[in-house]
Amino acid sequence: MRYRPLGGTGIQVSAYCLGTMMFGAIGNTDRAACARIVHTALDAGINLVDTADMYSAGEAEQILGEALGARRDDVVLATKAHFPMGEDRNRRGNSRRWLTRAVEESLRRLGTDWIDLYQVHRPDPATEIEETLGALTDLVRQGKIRAFGCSSFPAWQVADAHRIAEQRGHHRFRTEQPPYSILARGIERELLPAARHYGMGVLTWSPLAFGFLTGRRAAAGEQPGARAALTPARFDPTLPENAAKFTAAAQLADLAEELGRDLPHLAVAFAAAHPDVTSVILGPRTPEQLEHLLAGSDLLLDDDTLDRIDAIAPPGIDLFRADSAWQPPELTTPALRRLPPAERAVSP
């Protein structure tokens, strides 16, 4: 296993990270199997484990805490908060009120006294970034978290957060956690250069492109499994964006076979090959899936292979906009793009 510095924190983390989104009701309810996943990862040299409070409504954190047990000190433990954790409208978002409570609940579920990396799971347009940074800085000073980061933030918000942190004397985002795969390369345009500029670690997720790069059957349009059931629109072949992804995935499967490897190995190796990527998050549902992905950890892509990948899926392009994970309200709320009716009238 290769290890890399986590931004400027002084922490060394493995080039692969174990993600636990599939632990619990949303994926694998067998706690013993989930524990085997954790220990297989640690035995392979993975020392970074990522979870979130919203994964199976807190169950994933509980399963992970139980599985780590006495090995907790050997792990760089990361979790996240932002998404709703109940009907109460204040049990969500990036406010001081919620983050100070959410971290206590995560600590309890994980069975630990501290969290190594605490991340805000998405931007929160309703909360000023100064409010969020101030709350997270206080949590560092209280010893409840060691460092904090963000996830799926656009580059301009990352830059703004660093500006505010410097002006107000707050600690700053040390990491960013964006989606990144051969089929979703949008972060190469601005986010990765911004992370490099600010010395941030980058933990990428969904290297298998939400299931498109899981293998030859997936490339041909068959999408069995939990992810397809959760988000069927992502695999609708009648959508032009998906048709382009299936075509690219089939070409990538051919390339992987030429290398004597399979498509998932090629996909994960691609994400790990970018010099600005610190660690690639693997999100297995079963021990066998993790073992299969780990079997490709020795694959290093040469320039010729990377050039051929660029020809199939050009740099900086998301073949499907939704794969960027977060869309600004200006794209999702039409009223934000339109003048009020009273202001549309032309004066005589």
Protein backbone atom coordinates (compact mmCIF):
# COMPACT_ATOMS: atom_id res chain seq x y z
CA MET A 1 0.00 0.00 0.00
CA ARG A 2 1.24 3.47 -0.88
CA TYR A 3 0.88 6.35 1.59
CA ARG A 4 0.52 10.06 0.98
CA PRO A 5 0.39 13.22 3.11
CA LEU A 6 -3.11 14.45 3.98
CA GLY A 7 -2.65 18.02 2.84
CA GLY A 8 -0.57 19.95 5.35
CA THR A 9 -1.88 18.12 8.43
CA GLY A 10 1.21 15.96 8.89
CA ILE A 11 -1.02 12.88 8.77
CA GLN A 12 -0.05 10.07 6.40
CA VAL A 13 -2.91 8.15 4.81
CA SER A 14 -3.17 5.19 2.46
CA ALA A 15 -3.77 5.76 -1.25
CA TYR A 16 -6.97 3.74 -0.85
CA CYS A 17 -9.59 4.67 1.71
CA LEU A 18 -12.34 2.37 2.98
CA GLY A 19 -15.76 3.95 2.52
CA THR A 20 -18.68 2.63 4.55
CA MET A 21 -21.76 3.96 2.76
CA MET A 22 -22.90 0.40 2.08
CA PHE A 23 -22.82 -0.61 5.75
CA GLY A 24 -26.28 -1.11 7.24
CA ALA A 25 -29.81 -0.94 5.86
CA ILE A 26 -28.83 0.80 2.62
CA GLY A 27 -26.44 -1.99 1.61
CA ASN A 28 -25.25 -4.81 3.88
CA THR A 29 -27.15 -5.54 7.09
CA ASP A 30 -24.79 -8.39 8.07
CA ARG A 31 -22.65 -6.74 10.75
CA ALA A 32 -20.20 -9.62 10.85
CA ALA A 33 -19.60 -9.26 7.10
CA CYS A 34 -19.11 -5.51 7.50
CA ALA A 35 -16.58 -6.16 10.26
CA ARG A 36 -14.70 -8.50 7.91
CA ILE A 37 -14.59 -5.71 5.35
CA VAL A 38 -13.05 -3.38 7.93
CA HIS A 39 -10.41 -5.86 9.05
CA THR A 40 -9.58 -6.94 5.49
CA ALA A 41 -8.93 -3.29 4.66
CA LEU A 42 -6.76 -2.70 7.71
CA ASP A 43 -4.81 -5.91 7.14
CA ALA A 44 -4.12 -4.74 3.57
CA GLY A 45 -2.56 -1.51 4.85
CA ILE A 46 -5.52 0.84 4.52
CA ASN A 47 -5.40 3.27 7.44
CA LEU A 48 -8.07 5.79 6.34
CA VAL A 49 -11.73 4.95 6.90
CA ASP A 50 -14.56 7.29 5.86
CA THR A 51 -18.18 7.27 6.96
CA ALA A 52 -21.03 9.75 7.52
CA ASP A 53 -23.85 10.23 9.99
CA MET A 54 -26.50 9.89 7.27
CA TYR A 55 -25.32 6.50 6.00
CA SER A 56 -28.22 4.23 6.93
CA ALA A 57 -29.38 6.90 9.41
CA GLY A 58 -26.37 6.45 11.69
CA GLU A 59 -26.17 2.66 11.50
CA ALA A 60 -22.98 2.71 9.40
CA GLU A 61 -21.17 4.68 12.11
CA GLN A 62 -22.36 2.21 14.75
CA ILE A 63 -21.21 -0.78 12.71
CA LEU A 64 -17.84 0.83 12.02
CA GLY A 65 -17.25 1.74 15.66
CA GLU A 66 -17.99 -1.81 16.77
CA ALA A 67 -15.79 -3.28 14.04
CA LEU A 68 -12.78 -1.08 14.84
CA GLY A 69 -12.73 -1.94 18.52
CA ALA A 70 -9.17 -2.03 19.81
CA ARG A 71 -7.83 -1.05 16.38
CA ARG A 72 -9.30 2.45 16.60
CA ASP A 73 -5.91 4.06 17.31
CA ASP A 74 -4.47 2.57 14.11
CA VAL A 75 -7.04 4.33 11.93
CA VAL A 76 -7.43 7.85 10.57
CA LEU A 77 -11.18 8.07 11.13
CA ALA A 78 -13.27 10.42 9.01
CA THR A 79 -16.98 11.17 9.13
CA LYS A 80 -19.35 13.81 7.80
CA ALA A 81 -22.46 15.82 8.68
CA HIS A 82 -24.96 17.93 6.73
CA PHE A 83 -27.83 15.77 5.48
CA PRO A 84 -31.10 15.48 7.48
CA MET A 85 -30.96 13.26 10.55
CA GLY A 86 -34.64 13.40 11.43
CA GLU A 87 -37.74 15.47 10.81
CA ASP A 88 -36.56 18.45 12.84
CA ARG A 89 -35.52 21.10 10.31
CA ASN A 90 -32.54 22.06 12.50
CA ARG A 91 -31.08 18.53 12.51
CA ARG A 92 -29.34 19.17 9.20
CA GLY A 93 -27.11 21.65 7.40
CA ASN A 94 -23.85 23.34 8.38
CA SER A 95 -24.98 25.59 11.23
CA ARG A 96 -23.14 25.85 14.53
CA ARG A 97 -26.28 24.63 16.26
CA TRP A 98 -26.36 21.41 14.28
CA LEU A 99 -22.64 20.66 13.86
CA THR A 100 -21.93 20.91 17.59
CA ARG A 101 -24.70 18.40 18.23
CA ALA A 102 -23.99 16.20 15.23
CA VAL A 103 -20.36 15.67 16.23
CA GLU A 104 -21.43 14.48 19.69
CA GLU A 105 -23.85 12.00 18.17
CA SER A 106 -21.18 10.71 15.77
CA LEU A 107 -18.69 10.31 18.61
CA ARG A 108 -21.25 8.27 20.52
CA ARG A 109 -22.13 6.03 17.59
CA LEU A 110 -18.46 5.51 16.67
CA GLY A 111 -17.50 4.78 20.28
CA THR A 112 -14.53 7.12 20.22
CA ASP A 113 -13.33 10.28 21.96
CA TRP A 114 -12.18 12.09 18.84
CA ILE A 115 -12.61 12.20 15.07
CA ASP A 116 -9.52 12.66 12.93
CA LEU A 117 -11.26 14.34 10.00
CA TYR A 118 -14.73 15.90 10.26
CA GLN A 119 -16.28 16.99 6.97
CA VAL A 120 -19.30 19.05 5.95
CA HIS A 121 -21.00 16.76 3.49
CA ARG A 122 -22.30 19.43 1.09
CA PRO A 123 -22.43 23.23 0.83
CA ASP A 124 -25.25 24.88 2.77
CA PRO A 125 -26.57 28.04 1.07
CA ALA A 126 -28.61 28.86 4.21
CA THR A 127 -25.54 29.12 6.47
CA GLU A 128 -22.75 31.68 6.21
CA ILE A 129 -19.41 29.95 5.75
CA GLU A 130 -17.98 31.98 8.64
CA GLU A 131 -20.55 30.37 10.95
CA THR A 132 -19.49 26.90 9.80
CA LEU A 133 -15.75 27.57 10.03
CA GLY A 134 -16.12 29.10 13.49
CA ALA A 135 -18.01 26.07 14.80
CA LEU A 136 -15.50 23.63 13.31
CA THR A 137 -12.56 25.63 14.66
CA ASP A 138 -14.05 25.45 18.15
CA LEU A 139 -14.44 21.68 17.82
CA VAL A 140 -10.73 21.41 16.96
CA ARG A 141 -9.81 23.51 20.00
CA GLN A 142 -12.03 21.35 22.19
CA GLY A 143 -10.15 18.24 21.00
CA LYS A 144 -13.26 16.58 19.57
CA ILE A 145 -11.91 16.67 16.03
CA ARG A 146 -8.33 16.92 14.76
CA ALA A 147 -8.98 18.55 11.38
CA PHE A 148 -11.92 19.35 9.15
CA GLY A 149 -12.77 19.41 5.48
CA CYS A 150 -15.56 19.75 2.94
CA SER A 151 -17.21 17.49 0.40
CA SER A 152 -18.48 18.27 -3.11
CA PHE A 153 -17.82 22.01 -2.78
CA PRO A 154 -17.28 24.01 -5.97
CA ALA A 155 -13.86 25.59 -6.34
CA TRP A 156 -15.12 29.15 -5.74
CA GLN A 157 -16.61 28.16 -2.38
CA VAL A 158 -13.36 26.44 -1.38
CA ALA A 159 -11.48 29.65 -2.21
CA ASP A 160 -14.00 31.79 -0.34
CA ALA A 161 -13.75 29.57 2.74
CA HIS A 162 -9.96 29.95 2.80
CA ARG A 163 -10.29 33.71 2.45
CA ILE A 164 -12.75 33.92 5.36
CA ALA A 165 -10.62 31.61 7.51
CA GLU A 166 -7.57 33.83 7.02
CA GLN A 167 -9.49 37.02 7.71
CA ARG A 168 -11.24 35.74 10.84
CA GLY A 169 -8.45 33.64 12.31
CA HIS A 170 -10.34 30.36 11.92
CA HIS A 171 -8.84 27.00 11.09
CA ARG A 172 -9.31 26.14 7.41
CA PHE A 173 -10.59 23.29 5.32
CA ARG A 174 -7.79 20.73 5.11
CA THR A 175 -9.47 18.37 2.65
CA GLU A 176 -12.09 18.18 -0.07
CA GLN A 177 -14.05 15.02 -0.93
CA PRO A 178 -15.41 15.16 -4.51
CA PRO A 179 -16.68 12.50 -6.93
CA TYR A 180 -14.06 11.54 -9.50
CA SER A 181 -13.90 8.84 -12.13
CA ILE A 182 -12.97 8.36 -15.75
CA LEU A 183 -16.54 9.32 -16.67
CA ALA A 184 -16.81 12.25 -14.24
CA ARG A 185 -13.70 14.41 -14.59
CA GLY A 186 -15.19 17.85 -14.00
CA ILE A 187 -13.08 18.47 -10.90
CA GLU A 188 -9.96 18.58 -13.08
CA ARG A 189 -11.02 21.99 -14.43
CA GLU A 190 -10.99 24.10 -11.26
CA LEU A 191 -11.40 22.11 -8.05
CA LEU A 192 -8.19 20.08 -8.18
CA PRO A 193 -6.08 23.15 -9.09
CA ALA A 194 -7.71 25.01 -6.18
CA ALA A 195 -6.99 22.15 -3.78
CA ARG A 196 -3.36 22.13 -4.91
CA HIS A 197 -3.12 25.91 -4.47
CA TYR A 198 -4.42 25.73 -0.89
CA GLY A 199 -2.46 22.61 0.05
CA MET A 200 -5.58 20.49 0.61
CA GLY A 201 -5.81 16.74 0.64
CA VAL A 202 -8.31 15.30 -1.85
CA LEU A 203 -10.32 12.16 -1.06
CA THR A 204 -12.24 11.10 -4.16
CA TRP A 205 -15.33 8.92 -4.20
CA SER A 206 -17.21 6.80 -6.75
CA PRO A 207 -14.20 5.72 -8.85
CA LEU A 208 -16.52 3.15 -10.48
CA ALA A 209 -18.76 5.97 -11.75
CA PHE A 210 -21.85 5.04 -9.75
CA GLY A 211 -21.64 1.49 -11.13
CA PHE A 212 -20.89 2.11 -14.81
CA LEU A 213 -17.32 0.85 -14.42
CA THR A 214 -17.99 -2.27 -12.35
CA GLY A 215 -17.34 -4.65 -15.23
CA ARG A 216 -18.20 -5.87 -18.71
CA ARG A 217 -21.89 -6.47 -17.89
CA ALA A 218 -22.26 -2.94 -16.53
CA ALA A 219 -20.55 -1.51 -19.62
CA ALA A 220 -23.07 -3.37 -21.76
CA GLY A 221 -25.98 -1.74 -19.96
CA GLU A 222 -26.84 -4.30 -17.26
CA GLN A 223 -26.97 -2.66 -13.85
CA PRO A 224 -27.89 -5.12 -11.10
CA GLY A 225 -27.24 -4.27 -7.48
CA ALA A 226 -28.01 -1.75 -4.79
CA ARG A 227 -26.84 1.41 -6.55
CA ALA A 228 -29.01 0.80 -9.61
CA ALA A 229 -32.03 0.18 -7.41
CA LEU A 230 -31.42 3.40 -5.48
CA THR A 231 -30.90 5.63 -8.53
CA PRO A 232 -32.46 3.95 -11.60
CA ALA A 233 -32.42 7.17 -13.65
CA ARG A 234 -28.62 7.08 -13.64
CA PHE A 235 -28.74 3.94 -15.78
CA ASP A 236 -31.64 4.76 -18.09
CA PRO A 237 -30.18 3.96 -21.55
CA THR A 238 -32.67 6.26 -23.29
CA LEU A 239 -30.95 9.32 -21.82
CA PRO A 240 -28.26 10.61 -24.21
CA GLU A 241 -25.88 11.21 -21.30
CA ASN A 242 -26.16 7.60 -20.20
CA ALA A 243 -25.82 6.31 -23.75
CA ALA A 244 -22.50 8.18 -24.00
CA LYS A 245 -21.38 6.68 -20.71
CA PHE A 246 -22.23 3.14 -21.79
CA THR A 247 -20.26 3.65 -25.02
CA ALA A 248 -17.25 4.96 -23.12
CA ALA A 249 -17.48 2.18 -20.53
CA ALA A 250 -17.44 -0.47 -23.25
CA GLN A 251 -14.32 1.07 -24.79
CA LEU A 252 -12.68 1.22 -21.37
CA ALA A 253 -13.51 -2.44 -20.76
CA ASP A 254 -11.70 -3.29 -24.01
CA LEU A 255 -8.68 -1.27 -22.86
CA ALA A 256 -8.63 -3.03 -19.50
CA GLU A 257 -8.66 -6.41 -21.23
CA GLU A 258 -5.70 -5.36 -23.38
CA LEU A 259 -3.83 -4.63 -20.15
CA GLY A 260 -4.74 -8.04 -18.77
CA ARG A 261 -6.86 -6.42 -16.07
CA ASP A 262 -10.53 -5.85 -15.46
CA LEU A 263 -12.48 -2.63 -15.65
CA PRO A 264 -12.73 -1.85 -11.89
CA HIS A 265 -8.94 -2.15 -11.52
CA LEU A 266 -8.42 0.27 -14.40
CA ALA A 267 -10.99 2.69 -12.96
CA VAL A 268 -9.49 2.81 -9.48
CA ALA A 269 -5.94 3.03 -10.81
CA PHE A 270 -6.98 6.02 -12.93
CA ALA A 271 -8.29 7.97 -9.95
CA ALA A 272 -5.21 7.15 -7.88
CA ALA A 273 -2.90 8.25 -10.73
CA HIS A 274 -3.79 11.94 -10.51
CA PRO A 275 -1.05 13.80 -8.60
CA ASP A 276 -3.60 15.95 -6.75
CA VAL A 277 -5.58 12.98 -5.43
CA THR A 278 -4.57 11.89 -1.94
CA SER A 279 -6.74 8.80 -1.50
CA VAL A 280 -9.43 6.98 -3.49
CA ILE A 281 -12.48 5.90 -1.49
CA LEU A 282 -13.62 2.33 -2.12
CA GLY A 283 -17.19 1.56 -1.08
CA PRO A 284 -17.61 -2.23 -1.09
CA ARG A 285 -20.84 -3.92 -0.03
CA THR A 286 -19.22 -7.32 0.58
CA PRO A 287 -15.80 -8.61 1.65
CA GLU A 288 -15.41 -10.21 -1.77
CA GLN A 289 -15.88 -6.87 -3.53
CA LEU A 290 -13.16 -5.31 -1.41
CA GLU A 291 -10.77 -8.19 -1.98
CA HIS A 292 -11.32 -7.88 -5.72
CA LEU A 293 -10.56 -4.14 -5.70
CA LEU A 294 -7.48 -4.62 -3.52
CA ALA A 295 -6.15 -7.18 -5.99
CA GLY A 296 -5.66 -4.31 -8.43
CA SER A 297 -3.75 -2.05 -6.05
CA ASP A 298 -0.47 -2.79 -7.83
CA LEU A 299 -1.70 -1.40 -11.16
CA LEU A 300 0.13 1.77 -12.21
CA LEU A 301 -0.92 3.39 -15.48
CA ASP A 302 1.71 4.57 -17.95
CA ASP A 303 1.42 7.67 -20.12
CA ASP A 304 0.23 5.72 -23.15
CA THR A 305 -2.66 4.21 -21.19
CA LEU A 306 -3.61 7.56 -19.71
CA ASP A 307 -3.55 9.11 -23.19
CA ARG A 308 -5.92 6.41 -24.44
CA ILE A 309 -8.25 7.07 -21.51
CA ASP A 310 -8.18 10.79 -22.35
CA ALA A 311 -9.24 9.97 -25.90
CA ILE A 312 -12.25 8.00 -24.64
CA ALA A 313 -13.30 10.42 -21.87
CA PRO A 314 -11.74 13.87 -22.30
CA PRO A 315 -10.13 15.64 -19.32
CA GLY A 316 -12.33 18.02 -17.34
CA ILE A 317 -15.61 16.62 -18.67
CA ASP A 318 -18.56 15.15 -16.74
CA LEU A 319 -20.42 12.99 -19.23
CA PHE A 320 -23.53 13.33 -17.02
CA ARG A 321 -23.97 16.60 -15.10
CA ALA A 322 -25.66 14.85 -12.17
CA ASP A 323 -22.41 12.97 -11.47
CA SER A 324 -20.91 16.14 -10.02
CA ALA A 325 -23.04 15.32 -6.91
CA TRP A 326 -23.98 18.89 -5.98
CA GLN A 327 -25.72 21.42 -8.12
CA PRO A 328 -25.94 25.10 -7.14
CA PRO A 329 -29.45 26.32 -6.28
CA GLU A 330 -29.31 28.55 -9.36
CA LEU A 331 -29.53 25.42 -11.51
CA THR A 332 -32.14 23.55 -9.47
CA THR A 333 -34.47 26.45 -8.60
CA PRO A 334 -35.84 28.22 -11.71
CA ALA A 335 -36.98 31.27 -9.71
CA LEU A 336 -33.33 32.14 -9.02
CA ARG A 337 -32.74 32.52 -12.75
CA ARG A 338 -35.77 34.69 -13.47
CA LEU A 339 -36.86 38.21 -12.66
CA PRO A 340 -40.07 38.56 -10.62
CA PRO A 341 -43.08 39.05 -12.94
CA ALA A 342 -43.44 42.70 -11.88
CA GLU A 343 -39.91 43.44 -13.07
CA ARG A 344 -40.37 41.76 -16.44
CA ALA A 345 -42.86 44.36 -17.72
CA VAL A 346 -41.44 46.80 -20.22
CA SER A 347 -41.91 50.39 -19.17
CA PRO A 348 -43.85 52.55 -21.67
